[in-house]
Amino acid sequence: MTLPIELKKRFRVIDDTRIESWLEQFDLSSITRRVDEYYDTAEGDYHKKGVSIRLCNSKTLEIKFNQNSPSTNPAHCHEYRFAVPFARDQMSAFNALTDVLGLKCPTPFSFSYFLGNNRLKSLAVLDRIRKIYKTPSLIITVDTLSELGTFIEFEAKKTPSPYPAADFAIEVNLLTADAPLVPIDSEYVELALYKPLAKQTNLD
């Protein structure tokens, strides 16, 4: 199933003590554990095109990319979600991905066949504790990963109407002006795979 385009901005937390008091201004919505397994070809074909393929909690396949320019602007992404095991009524969405990304449909509708038919291998498994906070216009996700640290992502709500990108940027900038946060564009899987580089650039 395809979802509306996303507006997101991610930050790395540089002071866990200060961030706890900063978060008190928002309403805590939920606390969950999330385990994501990331996939790509051995050659990294999809990562090179800015495509993220992951299995969430062994239940949902998520495929994210920028449809207009896959290798740029990761904050403005299209996202497809598929329940696992796959259902036949999901195939039309898979066909759209075939046209855009070259991914092959998972006939006969099994996840293992989808991986094999597209030469996808497991890259990394990331286990996190996720806290969700909400404002009238934003969803604020706080992810704590034992090996990588704590990250905060701001996402514009898609209802009741799309949030203009310029307004989203202004609101996030105002909220984070005095927060102990550093902007980061990398995905978690990139940080997990390139931790030595992350340390050299103060990202880990």
N, C-alpha and C. Protein backbone atom coordinates (compact mmCIF):
# COMPACT_ATOMS: atom_id res chain seq x y z
N MET A 1 0.85 -1.19 0.00
CA MET A 1 0.00 0.00 0.00
C MET A 1 0.88 1.24 0.00
N THR A 2 0.63 2.18 -0.89
CA THR A 2 1.41 3.40 -0.93
C THR A 2 0.82 4.44 0.01
N LEU A 3 1.69 5.26 0.60
CA LEU A 3 1.28 6.29 1.53
C LEU A 3 1.64 7.65 0.96
N PRO A 4 1.01 8.73 1.46
CA PRO A 4 1.35 10.07 0.98
C PRO A 4 2.82 10.38 1.23
N ILE A 5 3.33 11.35 0.49
CA ILE A 5 4.72 11.75 0.65
C ILE A 5 4.96 12.22 2.07
N GLU A 6 6.18 11.91 2.60
CA GLU A 6 6.52 12.24 3.97
C GLU A 6 7.36 13.49 4.06
N LEU A 7 7.14 14.25 5.12
CA LEU A 7 8.03 15.35 5.49
C LEU A 7 8.65 14.97 6.83
N LYS A 8 9.97 14.76 6.84
CA LYS A 8 10.64 14.32 8.05
C LYS A 8 11.97 15.04 8.22
N LYS A 9 12.39 15.15 9.49
CA LYS A 9 13.71 15.68 9.81
C LYS A 9 14.22 14.94 11.03
N ARG A 10 15.46 14.40 10.91
CA ARG A 10 16.02 13.58 11.99
C ARG A 10 17.21 14.28 12.63
N PHE A 11 17.35 14.06 13.97
CA PHE A 11 18.44 14.62 14.74
C PHE A 11 19.05 13.55 15.64
N ARG A 12 20.33 13.72 15.95
CA ARG A 12 20.98 12.88 16.95
C ARG A 12 21.00 13.63 18.27
N VAL A 13 20.69 12.94 19.37
CA VAL A 13 20.70 13.54 20.71
C VAL A 13 22.13 13.56 21.23
N ILE A 14 22.59 14.71 21.69
CA ILE A 14 23.95 14.83 22.20
C ILE A 14 23.99 14.98 23.72
N ASP A 15 22.84 15.06 24.36
CA ASP A 15 22.79 15.15 25.83
C ASP A 15 21.50 14.48 26.29
N ASP A 16 21.60 13.21 26.72
CA ASP A 16 20.41 12.44 27.10
C ASP A 16 19.69 13.05 28.30
N THR A 17 20.44 13.64 29.23
CA THR A 17 19.82 14.22 30.43
C THR A 17 18.97 15.43 30.07
N ARG A 18 19.50 16.32 29.27
CA ARG A 18 18.76 17.52 28.88
C ARG A 18 17.56 17.19 28.01
N ILE A 19 17.68 16.15 27.19
CA ILE A 19 16.59 15.87 26.25
C ILE A 19 15.35 15.37 26.98
N GLU A 20 15.52 14.71 28.13
CA GLU A 20 14.37 14.23 28.88
C GLU A 20 13.50 15.39 29.35
N SER A 21 14.11 16.43 29.86
CA SER A 21 13.33 17.58 30.32
C SER A 21 12.75 18.35 29.13
N TRP A 22 13.47 18.39 28.01
CA TRP A 22 12.98 19.07 26.81
C TRP A 22 11.73 18.37 26.26
N LEU A 23 11.68 17.07 26.35
CA LEU A 23 10.55 16.31 25.82
C LEU A 23 9.29 16.46 26.66
N GLU A 24 9.40 16.96 27.88
CA GLU A 24 8.23 17.10 28.75
C GLU A 24 7.19 18.07 28.22
N GLN A 25 7.57 18.91 27.28
CA GLN A 25 6.60 19.85 26.70
C GLN A 25 5.61 19.17 25.75
N PHE A 26 5.89 17.92 25.36
CA PHE A 26 5.04 17.21 24.41
C PHE A 26 4.26 16.10 25.11
N ASP A 27 3.16 15.68 24.47
CA ASP A 27 2.33 14.60 25.01
C ASP A 27 2.86 13.25 24.55
N LEU A 28 3.20 12.39 25.51
CA LEU A 28 3.68 11.05 25.18
C LEU A 28 2.50 10.19 24.75
N SER A 29 2.60 9.61 23.54
CA SER A 29 1.52 8.81 22.99
C SER A 29 1.72 7.32 23.19
N SER A 30 2.95 6.82 23.04
CA SER A 30 3.17 5.38 23.16
C SER A 30 4.65 5.08 23.37
N ILE A 31 4.92 3.88 23.92
CA ILE A 31 6.27 3.34 24.05
C ILE A 31 6.23 1.91 23.55
N THR A 32 7.06 1.60 22.58
CA THR A 32 7.07 0.26 22.01
C THR A 32 8.50 -0.18 21.73
N ARG A 33 8.63 -1.47 21.49
CA ARG A 33 9.90 -2.01 21.00
C ARG A 33 9.73 -2.32 19.53
N ARG A 34 10.72 -1.95 18.72
CA ARG A 34 10.64 -2.18 17.28
C ARG A 34 11.95 -2.82 16.82
N VAL A 35 11.81 -3.90 16.04
CA VAL A 35 12.97 -4.59 15.47
C VAL A 35 12.87 -4.55 13.96
N ASP A 36 13.84 -3.90 13.32
CA ASP A 36 13.86 -3.75 11.87
C ASP A 36 15.02 -4.54 11.28
N GLU A 37 14.72 -5.30 10.22
CA GLU A 37 15.78 -5.98 9.47
C GLU A 37 15.86 -5.34 8.09
N TYR A 38 17.04 -4.88 7.72
CA TYR A 38 17.25 -4.16 6.46
C TYR A 38 17.84 -5.08 5.41
N TYR A 39 17.43 -4.85 4.14
CA TYR A 39 17.85 -5.71 3.04
C TYR A 39 18.38 -4.90 1.87
N ASP A 40 19.29 -5.51 1.11
CA ASP A 40 19.78 -4.96 -0.15
C ASP A 40 20.46 -6.10 -0.91
N THR A 41 20.83 -5.84 -2.15
CA THR A 41 21.63 -6.81 -2.89
C THR A 41 23.06 -6.78 -2.35
N ALA A 42 23.84 -7.79 -2.72
CA ALA A 42 25.24 -7.83 -2.28
C ALA A 42 26.01 -6.63 -2.79
N GLU A 43 25.58 -6.08 -3.92
CA GLU A 43 26.25 -4.92 -4.51
C GLU A 43 25.72 -3.58 -3.99
N GLY A 44 24.70 -3.63 -3.14
CA GLY A 44 24.11 -2.41 -2.61
C GLY A 44 23.35 -1.61 -3.64
N ASP A 45 22.70 -2.29 -4.59
CA ASP A 45 22.04 -1.60 -5.70
C ASP A 45 20.97 -0.62 -5.24
N TYR A 46 20.19 -0.99 -4.24
CA TYR A 46 19.09 -0.12 -3.82
C TYR A 46 19.57 1.02 -2.95
N HIS A 47 20.54 0.75 -2.09
CA HIS A 47 21.10 1.82 -1.27
C HIS A 47 21.67 2.93 -2.16
N LYS A 48 22.32 2.55 -3.25
CA LYS A 48 22.91 3.53 -4.17
C LYS A 48 21.83 4.43 -4.78
N LYS A 49 20.63 3.92 -4.91
CA LYS A 49 19.53 4.71 -5.48
C LYS A 49 18.69 5.40 -4.42
N GLY A 50 19.13 5.34 -3.16
CA GLY A 50 18.38 5.98 -2.09
C GLY A 50 17.12 5.24 -1.70
N VAL A 51 17.12 3.91 -1.86
CA VAL A 51 15.94 3.09 -1.55
C VAL A 51 16.21 2.30 -0.27
N SER A 52 15.27 2.36 0.66
CA SER A 52 15.36 1.62 1.91
C SER A 52 14.35 0.48 1.89
N ILE A 53 14.80 -0.73 2.17
CA ILE A 53 13.93 -1.91 2.22
C ILE A 53 14.11 -2.55 3.58
N ARG A 54 13.03 -2.65 4.37
CA ARG A 54 13.17 -3.22 5.70
C ARG A 54 11.91 -3.98 6.10
N LEU A 55 12.10 -4.96 6.97
CA LEU A 55 11.01 -5.74 7.54
C LEU A 55 10.87 -5.33 8.99
N CYS A 56 9.70 -4.85 9.37
CA CYS A 56 9.45 -4.31 10.71
C CYS A 56 8.72 -5.33 11.57
N ASN A 57 9.35 -5.70 12.67
CA ASN A 57 8.74 -6.63 13.64
C ASN A 57 8.24 -7.91 12.98
N SER A 58 8.90 -8.31 11.89
CA SER A 58 8.54 -9.54 11.14
C SER A 58 7.12 -9.51 10.60
N LYS A 59 6.50 -8.31 10.55
CA LYS A 59 5.11 -8.21 10.16
C LYS A 59 4.85 -7.30 8.97
N THR A 60 5.70 -6.31 8.75
CA THR A 60 5.43 -5.30 7.73
C THR A 60 6.68 -5.02 6.91
N LEU A 61 6.56 -5.13 5.60
CA LEU A 61 7.63 -4.75 4.69
C LEU A 61 7.44 -3.28 4.33
N GLU A 62 8.49 -2.47 4.56
CA GLU A 62 8.46 -1.06 4.23
C GLU A 62 9.51 -0.75 3.17
N ILE A 63 9.10 -0.07 2.11
CA ILE A 63 10.01 0.33 1.04
C ILE A 63 9.87 1.83 0.86
N LYS A 64 10.98 2.57 1.07
CA LYS A 64 10.94 4.03 1.02
C LYS A 64 11.90 4.54 -0.04
N PHE A 65 11.47 5.59 -0.76
CA PHE A 65 12.33 6.19 -1.77
C PHE A 65 11.74 7.52 -2.20
N ASN A 66 12.56 8.32 -2.87
CA ASN A 66 12.09 9.56 -3.47
C ASN A 66 11.76 9.26 -4.93
N GLN A 67 10.50 9.28 -5.29
CA GLN A 67 10.06 8.84 -6.60
C GLN A 67 10.56 9.74 -7.73
N ASN A 68 10.73 11.02 -7.44
CA ASN A 68 11.17 11.93 -8.50
C ASN A 68 12.68 11.91 -8.69
N SER A 69 13.41 11.74 -7.60
CA SER A 69 14.87 11.73 -7.67
C SER A 69 15.39 10.84 -6.56
N PRO A 70 15.46 9.52 -6.79
CA PRO A 70 15.71 8.55 -5.73
C PRO A 70 16.94 8.80 -4.90
N SER A 71 17.99 9.41 -5.45
CA SER A 71 19.23 9.53 -4.71
C SER A 71 19.35 10.83 -3.91
N THR A 72 18.30 11.66 -3.93
CA THR A 72 18.39 12.95 -3.25
C THR A 72 17.18 13.20 -2.37
N ASN A 73 17.32 14.20 -1.50
CA ASN A 73 16.22 14.71 -0.70
C ASN A 73 15.52 13.63 0.12
N PRO A 74 16.23 12.95 1.05
CA PRO A 74 15.63 11.86 1.81
C PRO A 74 14.50 12.29 2.73
N ALA A 75 14.37 13.60 3.00
CA ALA A 75 13.29 14.05 3.88
C ALA A 75 11.94 14.05 3.18
N HIS A 76 11.92 13.93 1.85
CA HIS A 76 10.67 13.94 1.10
C HIS A 76 10.55 12.61 0.36
N CYS A 77 10.04 11.62 1.07
CA CYS A 77 10.04 10.25 0.54
C CYS A 77 8.64 9.71 0.32
N HIS A 78 8.55 8.79 -0.64
CA HIS A 78 7.36 7.97 -0.79
C HIS A 78 7.59 6.67 -0.02
N GLU A 79 6.54 6.14 0.55
CA GLU A 79 6.68 4.93 1.34
C GLU A 79 5.57 3.94 0.97
N TYR A 80 5.99 2.69 0.78
CA TYR A 80 5.05 1.60 0.53
C TYR A 80 5.13 0.63 1.70
N ARG A 81 3.98 0.18 2.17
CA ARG A 81 3.93 -0.79 3.26
C ARG A 81 3.10 -1.99 2.82
N PHE A 82 3.61 -3.18 3.16
CA PHE A 82 2.92 -4.41 2.81
C PHE A 82 2.89 -5.32 4.04
N ALA A 83 1.70 -5.81 4.37
CA ALA A 83 1.59 -6.77 5.45
C ALA A 83 2.26 -8.07 5.04
N VAL A 84 2.96 -8.71 5.97
CA VAL A 84 3.61 -9.99 5.74
C VAL A 84 2.96 -11.00 6.68
N PRO A 85 2.47 -12.17 6.15
CA PRO A 85 2.53 -12.67 4.77
C PRO A 85 1.77 -11.75 3.80
N PHE A 86 2.21 -11.77 2.52
CA PHE A 86 1.59 -10.94 1.50
C PHE A 86 0.19 -11.43 1.14
N ALA A 87 -0.64 -10.48 0.73
CA ALA A 87 -1.98 -10.79 0.25
C ALA A 87 -2.08 -10.46 -1.23
N ARG A 88 -2.98 -11.14 -1.94
CA ARG A 88 -3.09 -10.93 -3.38
C ARG A 88 -3.51 -9.50 -3.74
N ASP A 89 -4.28 -8.86 -2.86
CA ASP A 89 -4.74 -7.51 -3.18
C ASP A 89 -3.63 -6.47 -3.05
N GLN A 90 -2.42 -6.89 -2.63
CA GLN A 90 -1.29 -5.98 -2.56
C GLN A 90 -0.48 -5.93 -3.85
N MET A 91 -0.80 -6.81 -4.80
CA MET A 91 0.06 -6.96 -5.96
C MET A 91 0.07 -5.74 -6.87
N SER A 92 -1.02 -4.98 -6.92
CA SER A 92 -1.04 -3.80 -7.78
C SER A 92 0.00 -2.79 -7.30
N ALA A 93 0.16 -2.67 -5.98
CA ALA A 93 1.19 -1.77 -5.45
C ALA A 93 2.58 -2.28 -5.76
N PHE A 94 2.77 -3.59 -5.69
CA PHE A 94 4.05 -4.17 -6.07
C PHE A 94 4.36 -3.91 -7.54
N ASN A 95 3.33 -3.97 -8.37
CA ASN A 95 3.54 -3.68 -9.80
C ASN A 95 4.05 -2.26 -10.00
N ALA A 96 3.56 -1.32 -9.19
CA ALA A 96 4.04 0.06 -9.28
C ALA A 96 5.52 0.13 -8.93
N LEU A 97 5.94 -0.63 -7.92
CA LEU A 97 7.36 -0.65 -7.55
C LEU A 97 8.20 -1.29 -8.64
N THR A 98 7.64 -2.27 -9.32
CA THR A 98 8.35 -2.89 -10.45
C THR A 98 8.64 -1.85 -11.52
N ASP A 99 7.64 -1.01 -11.80
CA ASP A 99 7.80 0.03 -12.83
C ASP A 99 8.83 1.08 -12.41
N VAL A 100 8.83 1.46 -11.13
CA VAL A 100 9.68 2.56 -10.68
C VAL A 100 11.08 2.09 -10.29
N LEU A 101 11.17 0.98 -9.56
CA LEU A 101 12.44 0.55 -9.00
C LEU A 101 13.01 -0.71 -9.62
N GLY A 102 12.19 -1.41 -10.39
CA GLY A 102 12.65 -2.67 -10.96
C GLY A 102 12.53 -3.85 -10.02
N LEU A 103 11.91 -3.66 -8.84
CA LEU A 103 11.67 -4.78 -7.93
C LEU A 103 10.68 -5.76 -8.54
N LYS A 104 10.94 -7.04 -8.39
CA LYS A 104 10.06 -8.05 -8.95
C LYS A 104 8.99 -8.43 -7.93
N CYS A 105 7.78 -8.68 -8.44
CA CYS A 105 6.66 -9.04 -7.56
C CYS A 105 6.94 -10.37 -6.87
N PRO A 106 6.40 -10.54 -5.65
CA PRO A 106 6.68 -11.75 -4.87
C PRO A 106 5.78 -12.93 -5.22
N THR A 107 5.59 -13.20 -6.51
CA THR A 107 4.85 -14.40 -6.89
C THR A 107 5.67 -15.61 -6.46
N PRO A 108 5.13 -16.60 -5.77
CA PRO A 108 3.73 -16.77 -5.36
C PRO A 108 3.39 -16.16 -4.01
N PHE A 109 3.68 -14.89 -3.85
CA PHE A 109 3.24 -14.10 -2.70
C PHE A 109 3.91 -14.47 -1.37
N SER A 110 5.12 -15.00 -1.41
CA SER A 110 5.82 -15.31 -0.17
C SER A 110 6.98 -14.32 0.02
N PHE A 111 7.28 -14.02 1.27
CA PHE A 111 8.37 -13.08 1.56
C PHE A 111 9.72 -13.66 1.14
N SER A 112 9.92 -14.94 1.39
CA SER A 112 11.19 -15.56 1.02
C SER A 112 11.40 -15.53 -0.50
N TYR A 113 10.33 -15.70 -1.26
CA TYR A 113 10.45 -15.62 -2.71
C TYR A 113 10.77 -14.19 -3.14
N PHE A 114 10.15 -13.23 -2.51
CA PHE A 114 10.44 -11.83 -2.80
C PHE A 114 11.92 -11.53 -2.61
N LEU A 115 12.51 -12.02 -1.49
CA LEU A 115 13.92 -11.79 -1.24
C LEU A 115 14.79 -12.47 -2.30
N GLY A 116 14.49 -13.74 -2.57
CA GLY A 116 15.30 -14.48 -3.52
C GLY A 116 15.19 -13.96 -4.94
N ASN A 117 13.99 -13.60 -5.35
CA ASN A 117 13.77 -13.15 -6.72
C ASN A 117 14.43 -11.80 -6.99
N ASN A 118 14.65 -11.03 -5.92
CA ASN A 118 15.30 -9.72 -6.06
C ASN A 118 16.74 -9.72 -5.55
N ARG A 119 17.26 -10.88 -5.24
CA ARG A 119 18.65 -11.06 -4.77
C ARG A 119 18.93 -10.23 -3.52
N LEU A 120 17.95 -10.16 -2.63
CA LEU A 120 18.09 -9.34 -1.42
C LEU A 120 18.66 -10.17 -0.27
N LYS A 121 19.62 -9.56 0.44
CA LYS A 121 20.25 -10.20 1.58
C LYS A 121 20.10 -9.30 2.81
N SER A 122 20.13 -9.91 3.97
CA SER A 122 20.02 -9.14 5.21
C SER A 122 21.29 -8.32 5.43
N LEU A 123 21.12 -7.02 5.68
CA LEU A 123 22.26 -6.14 5.95
C LEU A 123 22.50 -5.97 7.45
N ALA A 124 21.43 -5.72 8.19
CA ALA A 124 21.56 -5.43 9.61
C ALA A 124 20.20 -5.59 10.28
N VAL A 125 20.24 -5.89 11.58
CA VAL A 125 19.03 -5.93 12.40
C VAL A 125 19.20 -4.89 13.50
N LEU A 126 18.24 -3.97 13.58
CA LEU A 126 18.31 -2.89 14.57
C LEU A 126 17.15 -3.01 15.54
N ASP A 127 17.49 -3.10 16.81
CA ASP A 127 16.52 -3.26 17.90
C ASP A 127 16.47 -1.94 18.66
N ARG A 128 15.27 -1.37 18.77
CA ARG A 128 15.17 -0.06 19.40
C ARG A 128 13.96 0.03 20.33
N ILE A 129 14.04 0.95 21.27
CA ILE A 129 12.89 1.36 22.06
C ILE A 129 12.40 2.66 21.46
N ARG A 130 11.14 2.69 21.11
CA ARG A 130 10.57 3.85 20.41
C ARG A 130 9.51 4.52 21.27
N LYS A 131 9.66 5.84 21.46
CA LYS A 131 8.66 6.65 22.13
C LYS A 131 8.06 7.62 21.11
N ILE A 132 6.75 7.72 21.12
CA ILE A 132 6.06 8.62 20.19
C ILE A 132 5.41 9.76 20.99
N TYR A 133 5.73 10.98 20.58
CA TYR A 133 5.10 12.18 21.14
C TYR A 133 4.33 12.87 20.02
N LYS A 134 3.34 13.67 20.38
CA LYS A 134 2.53 14.33 19.36
C LYS A 134 2.25 15.78 19.72
N THR A 135 2.17 16.60 18.67
CA THR A 135 1.69 17.97 18.76
C THR A 135 0.52 18.07 17.78
N PRO A 136 -0.18 19.19 17.72
CA PRO A 136 -1.27 19.29 16.75
C PRO A 136 -0.85 19.06 15.31
N SER A 137 0.41 19.35 14.97
CA SER A 137 0.85 19.23 13.58
C SER A 137 1.98 18.24 13.35
N LEU A 138 2.59 17.71 14.43
CA LEU A 138 3.78 16.87 14.28
C LEU A 138 3.66 15.56 15.03
N ILE A 139 4.36 14.56 14.51
CA ILE A 139 4.63 13.31 15.23
C ILE A 139 6.13 13.32 15.54
N ILE A 140 6.48 13.16 16.81
CA ILE A 140 7.87 13.21 17.23
C ILE A 140 8.27 11.82 17.72
N THR A 141 9.19 11.21 17.02
CA THR A 141 9.62 9.85 17.33
C THR A 141 11.00 9.88 17.98
N VAL A 142 11.11 9.26 19.15
CA VAL A 142 12.38 9.16 19.86
C VAL A 142 12.81 7.69 19.85
N ASP A 143 13.91 7.40 19.18
CA ASP A 143 14.43 6.04 19.07
C ASP A 143 15.72 5.91 19.85
N THR A 144 15.78 4.92 20.73
CA THR A 144 17.01 4.62 21.46
C THR A 144 17.51 3.26 21.03
N LEU A 145 18.69 3.25 20.41
CA LEU A 145 19.33 2.03 19.94
C LEU A 145 20.59 1.81 20.76
N SER A 146 20.74 0.61 21.33
CA SER A 146 21.81 0.36 22.28
C SER A 146 23.19 0.65 21.71
N GLU A 147 23.42 0.36 20.43
CA GLU A 147 24.76 0.51 19.86
C GLU A 147 24.97 1.86 19.16
N LEU A 148 23.90 2.59 18.93
CA LEU A 148 24.03 3.81 18.14
C LEU A 148 23.69 5.09 18.89
N GLY A 149 22.88 4.99 19.95
CA GLY A 149 22.50 6.18 20.69
C GLY A 149 21.03 6.50 20.55
N THR A 150 20.68 7.75 20.82
CA THR A 150 19.29 8.21 20.77
C THR A 150 19.11 9.22 19.66
N PHE A 151 17.99 9.09 18.94
CA PHE A 151 17.69 9.96 17.80
C PHE A 151 16.25 10.44 17.91
N ILE A 152 16.00 11.63 17.39
CA ILE A 152 14.65 12.19 17.37
C ILE A 152 14.30 12.56 15.93
N GLU A 153 13.12 12.14 15.52
CA GLU A 153 12.65 12.45 14.16
C GLU A 153 11.32 13.18 14.25
N PHE A 154 11.23 14.28 13.53
CA PHE A 154 9.99 15.05 13.42
C PHE A 154 9.33 14.71 12.10
N GLU A 155 8.06 14.41 12.14
CA GLU A 155 7.31 14.09 10.92
C GLU A 155 6.02 14.90 10.91
N ALA A 156 5.73 15.51 9.76
CA ALA A 156 4.50 16.27 9.63
C ALA A 156 3.31 15.32 9.55
N LYS A 157 2.26 15.64 10.30
CA LYS A 157 1.03 14.86 10.18
C LYS A 157 0.42 15.05 8.79
N LYS A 158 -0.18 13.99 8.26
CA LYS A 158 -0.72 14.05 6.91
C LYS A 158 -2.19 14.42 6.87
N THR A 159 -2.83 14.46 8.04
CA THR A 159 -4.24 14.82 8.12
C THR A 159 -4.40 15.91 9.18
N PRO A 160 -5.43 16.75 9.08
CA PRO A 160 -6.53 16.73 8.11
C PRO A 160 -6.16 17.24 6.72
N SER A 161 -4.98 17.89 6.59
CA SER A 161 -4.55 18.36 5.28
C SER A 161 -3.03 18.31 5.24
N PRO A 162 -2.44 18.20 4.05
CA PRO A 162 -0.97 18.16 3.95
C PRO A 162 -0.33 19.41 4.53
N TYR A 163 0.79 19.23 5.19
CA TYR A 163 1.52 20.32 5.83
C TYR A 163 2.52 20.90 4.83
N PRO A 164 2.46 22.20 4.51
CA PRO A 164 3.43 22.78 3.58
C PRO A 164 4.86 22.57 4.06
N ALA A 165 5.76 22.22 3.16
CA ALA A 165 7.14 21.92 3.53
C ALA A 165 7.81 23.12 4.21
N ALA A 166 7.53 24.32 3.73
CA ALA A 166 8.15 25.51 4.33
C ALA A 166 7.70 25.70 5.77
N ASP A 167 6.41 25.49 6.05
CA ASP A 167 5.90 25.63 7.41
C ASP A 167 6.47 24.55 8.33
N PHE A 168 6.62 23.34 7.79
CA PHE A 168 7.20 22.25 8.56
C PHE A 168 8.63 22.60 8.97
N ALA A 169 9.43 23.11 8.05
CA ALA A 169 10.81 23.47 8.35
C ALA A 169 10.89 24.56 9.41
N ILE A 170 10.01 25.54 9.31
CA ILE A 170 10.01 26.64 10.29
C ILE A 170 9.67 26.12 11.68
N GLU A 171 8.64 25.28 11.78
CA GLU A 171 8.22 24.77 13.09
C GLU A 171 9.32 23.92 13.72
N VAL A 172 9.94 23.05 12.94
CA VAL A 172 11.00 22.20 13.48
C VAL A 172 12.20 23.04 13.92
N ASN A 173 12.55 24.03 13.14
CA ASN A 173 13.67 24.90 13.51
C ASN A 173 13.41 25.64 14.83
N LEU A 174 12.19 26.09 15.01
CA LEU A 174 11.83 26.79 16.25
C LEU A 174 11.88 25.85 17.45
N LEU A 175 11.36 24.64 17.28
CA LEU A 175 11.31 23.69 18.38
C LEU A 175 12.70 23.22 18.80
N THR A 176 13.62 23.12 17.86
CA THR A 176 14.93 22.54 18.15
C THR A 176 16.02 23.59 18.38
N ALA A 177 15.66 24.85 18.37
CA ALA A 177 16.67 25.92 18.47
C ALA A 177 17.55 25.77 19.71
N ASP A 178 16.96 25.42 20.85
CA ASP A 178 17.71 25.31 22.10
C ASP A 178 17.83 23.87 22.59
N ALA A 179 17.50 22.91 21.75
CA ALA A 179 17.54 21.50 22.15
C ALA A 179 18.94 20.92 21.88
N PRO A 180 19.34 19.93 22.69
CA PRO A 180 20.67 19.30 22.51
C PRO A 180 20.65 18.29 21.37
N LEU A 181 20.51 18.81 20.15
CA LEU A 181 20.34 17.97 18.98
C LEU A 181 21.27 18.42 17.86
N VAL A 182 21.68 17.44 17.04
CA VAL A 182 22.49 17.70 15.86
C VAL A 182 21.78 17.09 14.66
N PRO A 183 21.53 17.86 13.59
CA PRO A 183 20.85 17.30 12.41
C PRO A 183 21.65 16.16 11.80
N ILE A 184 20.94 15.17 11.29
CA ILE A 184 21.59 14.03 10.66
C ILE A 184 20.71 13.54 9.51
N ASP A 185 21.31 13.26 8.37
CA ASP A 185 20.57 12.77 7.22
C ASP A 185 20.67 11.26 7.05
N SER A 186 21.62 10.63 7.72
CA SER A 186 21.86 9.20 7.54
C SER A 186 20.72 8.36 8.12
N GLU A 187 20.46 7.22 7.48
CA GLU A 187 19.54 6.23 8.02
C GLU A 187 20.26 5.41 9.09
N TYR A 188 19.49 4.79 9.98
CA TYR A 188 20.09 3.98 11.04
C TYR A 188 20.97 2.87 10.47
N VAL A 189 20.51 2.24 9.41
CA VAL A 189 21.28 1.13 8.85
C VAL A 189 22.63 1.61 8.35
N GLU A 190 22.71 2.84 7.83
CA GLU A 190 23.99 3.39 7.39
C GLU A 190 24.93 3.57 8.57
N LEU A 191 24.40 4.06 9.68
CA LEU A 191 25.22 4.23 10.87
C LEU A 191 25.69 2.89 11.41
N ALA A 192 24.82 1.89 11.34
CA ALA A 192 25.19 0.56 11.83
C ALA A 192 26.27 -0.07 10.97
N LEU A 193 26.20 0.15 9.66
CA LEU A 193 27.16 -0.47 8.74
C LEU A 193 28.49 0.26 8.70
N TYR A 194 28.45 1.56 9.01
CA TYR A 194 29.67 2.37 8.90
C TYR A 194 29.99 3.06 10.22
N LYS A 195 29.95 2.29 11.30
CA LYS A 195 30.20 2.86 12.61
C LYS A 195 31.60 3.48 12.76
N PRO A 196 32.66 2.90 12.20
CA PRO A 196 33.97 3.57 12.31
C PRO A 196 33.94 4.98 11.71
N LEU A 197 33.29 5.14 10.55
CA LEU A 197 33.18 6.45 9.93
C LEU A 197 32.31 7.36 10.77
N ALA A 198 31.25 6.81 11.36
CA ALA A 198 30.36 7.61 12.20
C ALA A 198 31.12 8.18 13.39
N LYS A 199 32.02 7.39 13.97
CA LYS A 199 32.80 7.88 15.12
C LYS A 199 33.71 9.03 14.70
N GLN A 200 34.29 8.93 13.51
CA GLN A 200 35.19 9.98 13.06
C GLN A 200 34.45 11.30 12.82
N THR A 201 33.16 11.23 12.57
CA THR A 201 32.39 12.44 12.26
C THR A 201 31.45 12.80 13.42
N ASN A 202 31.71 12.25 14.62
CA ASN A 202 30.92 12.55 15.81
C ASN A 202 29.45 12.17 15.66
N LEU A 203 29.20 11.09 14.90
CA LEU A 203 27.83 10.62 14.75
C LEU A 203 27.60 9.38 15.58
N ASP A 204 28.56 8.91 16.32
CA ASP A 204 28.40 7.70 17.11
C ASP A 204 29.24 7.81 18.40
